[in-house]
Amino acid sequence: MPKFIKTRDRYARNSAKMKKCKASLKVFFKNTDKTSALDGLNNLVSMLDKLAGRNIIHANKAGRLKTKCYRHFNSL
């Protein structure tokens, strides 16, 4: 398989994962109920850790986003 096809496939896969993450972030920040926000927080932190571990996003960006999520959760 030519290299450009693999690159295109990886780019599409990574873009889809990032879109899912961004959508989850938007839903989490719109949430005002603490019990449902806890479930969203756990899923979101897990997703960010996986994305950082697979080098889809930088580890520092994942850390910043997790901190932002925890601050929002504590403000509820």
Protein backbone atom coordinates (compact mmCIF):
# COMPACT_ATOMS: atom_id res chain seq x y z
CA MET A 1 0.00 0.00 0.00
CA PRO A 2 1.44 3.41 -0.90
CA LYS A 3 2.47 5.64 1.95
CA PHE A 4 0.09 8.47 1.05
CA ILE A 5 -2.91 6.16 1.41
CA LYS A 6 -1.86 5.17 4.93
CA THR A 7 -1.30 8.81 5.82
CA ARG A 8 -4.72 9.78 4.48
CA ASP A 9 -6.39 6.97 6.43
CA ARG A 10 -4.59 7.90 9.68
CA TYR A 11 -5.48 11.56 9.19
CA ALA A 12 -9.15 10.68 8.71
CA ARG A 13 -9.15 8.41 11.78
CA ASN A 14 -7.42 10.98 13.97
CA SER A 15 -9.70 13.78 12.77
CA ALA A 16 -12.76 11.71 13.64
CA LYS A 17 -11.41 11.09 17.16
CA MET A 18 -10.71 14.79 17.65
CA LYS A 19 -14.19 15.76 16.44
CA LYS A 20 -15.71 13.30 18.92
CA CYS A 21 -13.56 14.78 21.70
CA LYS A 22 -14.52 18.36 20.85
CA ALA A 23 -18.20 17.43 20.76
CA SER A 24 -17.90 15.75 24.16
CA LEU A 25 -16.21 18.86 25.56
CA LYS A 26 -19.04 21.08 24.33
CA VAL A 27 -21.67 18.81 25.86
CA PHE A 28 -19.76 18.66 29.15
CA PHE A 29 -19.42 22.44 29.47
CA LYS A 30 -23.12 22.98 28.74
CA ASN A 31 -24.03 20.52 31.50
CA THR A 32 -25.32 22.01 34.77
CA ASP A 33 -26.29 18.83 36.63
CA LYS A 34 -23.48 17.54 38.87
CA THR A 35 -24.44 13.85 38.79
CA SER A 36 -24.54 13.60 35.00
CA ALA A 37 -21.46 15.83 34.78
CA LEU A 38 -19.52 13.27 36.84
CA ASP A 39 -20.15 10.58 34.23
CA GLY A 40 -19.20 12.97 31.47
CA LEU A 41 -16.05 13.98 33.33
CA ASN A 42 -14.88 10.40 33.76
CA ASN A 43 -15.45 9.62 30.07
CA LEU A 44 -13.80 12.85 28.98
CA VAL A 45 -10.68 12.38 31.11
CA SER A 46 -10.30 8.83 29.81
CA MET A 47 -10.69 10.01 26.22
CA LEU A 48 -8.12 12.79 26.66
CA ASP A 49 -5.62 10.38 28.20
CA LYS A 50 -6.04 7.97 25.31
CA LEU A 51 -5.61 10.72 22.72
CA ALA A 52 -2.47 11.96 24.45
CA GLY A 53 -1.09 8.43 24.76
CA ARG A 54 -1.56 7.85 21.05
CA ASN A 55 0.04 11.22 20.20
CA ILE A 56 -3.10 12.57 18.59
CA ILE A 57 -2.93 15.57 20.90
CA HIS A 58 0.03 16.83 22.92
CA ALA A 59 0.22 15.68 26.54
CA ASN A 60 0.29 19.27 27.81
CA LYS A 61 -2.89 20.11 25.90
CA ALA A 62 -4.59 17.07 27.42
CA GLY A 63 -3.50 18.24 30.86
CA ARG A 64 -4.81 21.74 30.29
CA LEU A 65 -8.16 20.44 29.07
CA LYS A 66 -8.48 18.06 32.04
CA THR A 67 -7.75 20.92 34.45
CA LYS A 68 -10.37 23.06 32.72
CA CYS A 69 -12.90 20.22 33.03
CA TYR A 70 -12.17 19.66 36.72
CA ARG A 71 -12.55 23.39 37.42
CA HIS A 72 -15.90 23.45 35.65
CA PHE A 73 -17.04 20.35 37.57
CA ASN A 74 -16.02 21.85 40.92
CA SER A 75 -17.91 25.06 40.12
CA LEU A 76 -21.21 23.17 39.72
